[in-house]
Amino acid sequence: MEYSSLNRETARKTAPQNGSGVKVLIVEDEGIIALDIGLMVAKLGHSVSGVVYSGEESVREAGKIRPDVVLMDIRLKGKIDGLQAARMIGVRYHIPIVFVTAFSDPVTLGRAWATKPLAFLQKPFDERELESILSGISRTKSSP
């Protein structure tokens, strides 16, 4: 079984069945990291609505599935990086972006802040940090 099938199957099996929680699109070109993030999201009671590996895929998938949030790696393989993809998703679909990155140099952070992300998670991050962000989105989503 290829990795993406395994990841989608794991996400489907661990997603909440009652429609509660936050729908998350994971954009990460490192398969094992994407799987780890997906398992964390599910463990926290939210659902992984998609996992993609490039900026181009993230823009297409965000338009199709309309997640509540996108967890976006900044450095991605492909023609557009996570910053460009985030900008496009924000303009087209108004979906909040949380950058998940190992990079914290001033130039990259400056470019990232210009996209107006909801938050940053510095790799490696801990489950409590992710829980704090997703809980905030969940509360916002459920308030009138």
Protein backbone atom coordinates (compact mmCIF):
# COMPACT_ATOMS: atom_id res chain seq x y z
CA MET A 1 0.00 0.00 0.00
CA GLU A 2 1.45 3.38 -0.91
CA TYR A 3 2.00 5.98 1.78
CA SER A 4 -0.75 8.38 0.68
CA SER A 5 -3.34 5.57 0.76
CA LEU A 6 -2.17 4.53 4.21
CA ASN A 7 -2.34 8.12 5.41
CA ARG A 8 -5.84 8.71 4.01
CA GLU A 9 -7.05 5.43 5.50
CA THR A 10 -5.60 6.30 8.91
CA ALA A 11 -7.21 9.75 8.76
CA ARG A 12 -10.58 8.26 7.80
CA LYS A 13 -10.50 5.69 10.62
CA THR A 14 -9.51 8.17 13.32
CA ALA A 15 -11.73 11.12 12.34
CA PRO A 16 -14.61 11.96 14.68
CA GLN A 17 -17.86 10.46 13.39
CA ASN A 18 -20.21 13.10 14.80
CA GLY A 19 -19.01 15.97 12.63
CA SER A 20 -17.51 17.75 15.64
CA GLY A 21 -14.04 19.14 15.77
CA VAL A 22 -11.98 21.05 13.27
CA LYS A 23 -11.48 19.88 9.67
CA VAL A 24 -7.75 20.09 8.95
CA LEU A 25 -5.87 20.03 5.65
CA ILE A 26 -2.24 19.00 6.17
CA VAL A 27 0.33 20.24 3.66
CA GLU A 28 3.69 18.57 4.29
CA ASP A 29 6.11 17.03 1.81
CA GLU A 30 7.72 14.70 4.38
CA GLY A 31 5.41 11.68 4.56
CA ILE A 32 6.32 10.54 8.05
CA ILE A 33 5.84 14.06 9.44
CA ALA A 34 2.47 14.36 7.70
CA LEU A 35 1.40 11.05 9.22
CA ASP A 36 2.57 12.12 12.69
CA ILE A 37 0.68 15.43 12.44
CA GLY A 38 -2.43 13.60 11.19
CA LEU A 39 -2.37 11.18 14.10
CA MET A 40 -1.97 14.09 16.53
CA VAL A 41 -4.92 15.93 14.97
CA ALA A 42 -7.11 12.82 15.23
CA LYS A 43 -6.01 12.09 18.79
CA LEU A 44 -7.12 15.60 19.75
CA GLY A 45 -10.61 14.87 18.40
CA HIS A 46 -10.40 16.70 15.09
CA SER A 47 -10.51 15.35 11.55
CA VAL A 48 -7.90 15.23 8.82
CA SER A 49 -9.85 16.13 5.71
CA GLY A 50 -6.83 15.83 3.44
CA VAL A 51 -3.07 15.41 3.22
CA VAL A 52 -1.16 16.85 0.28
CA TYR A 53 2.51 17.19 -0.49
CA SER A 54 2.92 20.31 -2.65
CA GLY A 55 1.78 23.91 -2.79
CA GLU A 56 -0.10 23.33 -6.02
CA GLU A 57 -2.03 20.41 -4.54
CA SER A 58 -2.83 22.42 -1.41
CA VAL A 59 -4.55 25.20 -3.36
CA ARG A 60 -6.64 22.70 -5.36
CA GLU A 61 -7.56 20.61 -2.31
CA ALA A 62 -8.42 23.63 -0.14
CA GLY A 63 -10.89 24.74 -2.81
CA LYS A 64 -12.44 21.27 -3.00
CA ILE A 65 -12.77 20.33 0.66
CA ARG A 66 -12.93 23.76 2.33
CA PRO A 67 -11.22 22.81 5.60
CA ASP A 68 -11.49 24.92 8.74
CA VAL A 69 -7.70 25.36 8.80
CA VAL A 70 -4.63 24.46 6.77
CA LEU A 71 -1.47 23.25 8.54
CA MET A 72 1.14 24.36 5.99
CA ASP A 73 4.84 23.60 5.79
CA ILE A 74 6.72 26.59 4.40
CA ARG A 75 9.32 24.72 2.36
CA LEU A 76 7.65 22.39 -0.12
CA LYS A 77 8.75 20.58 -3.23
CA GLY A 78 7.17 21.82 -6.43
CA LYS A 79 6.74 25.07 -8.28
CA ILE A 80 5.22 27.06 -5.41
CA ASP A 81 6.27 27.04 -1.78
CA GLY A 82 4.02 27.08 1.27
CA LEU A 83 4.11 30.88 1.46
CA GLN A 84 2.81 31.32 -2.07
CA ALA A 85 0.21 28.59 -1.54
CA ALA A 86 -0.93 30.20 1.73
CA ARG A 87 -1.36 33.55 0.03
CA MET A 88 -3.44 31.98 -2.76
CA ILE A 89 -5.62 30.00 -0.31
CA GLY A 90 -6.18 33.10 1.80
CA VAL A 91 -7.19 35.27 -1.14
CA ARG A 92 -9.37 32.67 -2.89
CA TYR A 93 -10.97 30.81 0.01
CA HIS A 94 -10.35 32.85 3.21
CA ILE A 95 -9.20 29.73 5.08
CA PRO A 96 -6.88 30.32 8.05
CA ILE A 97 -3.31 29.07 7.73
CA VAL A 98 -1.06 27.76 10.48
CA PHE A 99 2.55 27.48 9.34
CA VAL A 100 4.39 24.39 10.54
CA THR A 101 8.08 24.94 9.91
CA ALA A 102 11.62 24.27 11.02
CA PHE A 103 12.76 27.58 9.52
CA SER A 104 12.92 30.70 11.64
CA ASP A 105 15.31 32.97 9.78
CA PRO A 106 14.19 36.63 9.63
CA VAL A 107 13.67 36.70 5.84
CA THR A 108 11.44 33.60 5.82
CA LEU A 109 9.50 34.79 8.88
CA GLY A 110 9.01 38.21 7.31
CA ARG A 111 7.60 36.64 4.15
CA ALA A 112 5.43 34.34 6.25
CA TRP A 113 3.96 37.13 8.42
CA ALA A 114 3.08 39.05 5.24
CA THR A 115 0.56 36.28 4.42
CA LYS A 116 -1.28 36.97 7.72
CA PRO A 117 -1.23 33.43 9.16
CA LEU A 118 -3.33 32.45 12.15
CA ALA A 119 -0.26 31.03 13.93
CA PHE A 120 3.14 29.36 13.65
CA LEU A 121 4.18 25.97 14.97
CA GLN A 122 7.94 25.55 15.16
CA LYS A 123 9.09 21.99 14.34
CA PRO A 124 9.35 19.92 16.36
CA PHE A 125 6.21 21.01 18.18
CA ASP A 126 4.33 19.42 20.99
CA GLU A 127 0.76 18.21 20.99
CA ARG A 128 -0.30 20.87 23.52
CA GLU A 129 0.67 23.66 21.11
CA LEU A 130 -1.43 22.12 18.34
CA GLU A 131 -4.28 21.50 20.78
CA SER A 132 -4.30 25.17 21.81
CA ILE A 133 -4.59 26.35 18.20
CA LEU A 134 -7.24 23.80 17.16
CA SER A 135 -9.29 24.41 20.32
CA GLY A 136 -9.36 28.12 19.55
CA ILE A 137 -10.58 27.41 16.00
CA SER A 138 -13.18 24.98 17.36
CA ARG A 139 -14.54 27.58 19.80
CA THR A 140 -14.70 30.21 17.06
CA LYS A 141 -16.40 27.75 14.71
CA SER A 142 -19.08 26.80 17.26
CA SER A 143 -19.88 30.30 18.50
CA PRO A 144 -22.94 32.08 16.99
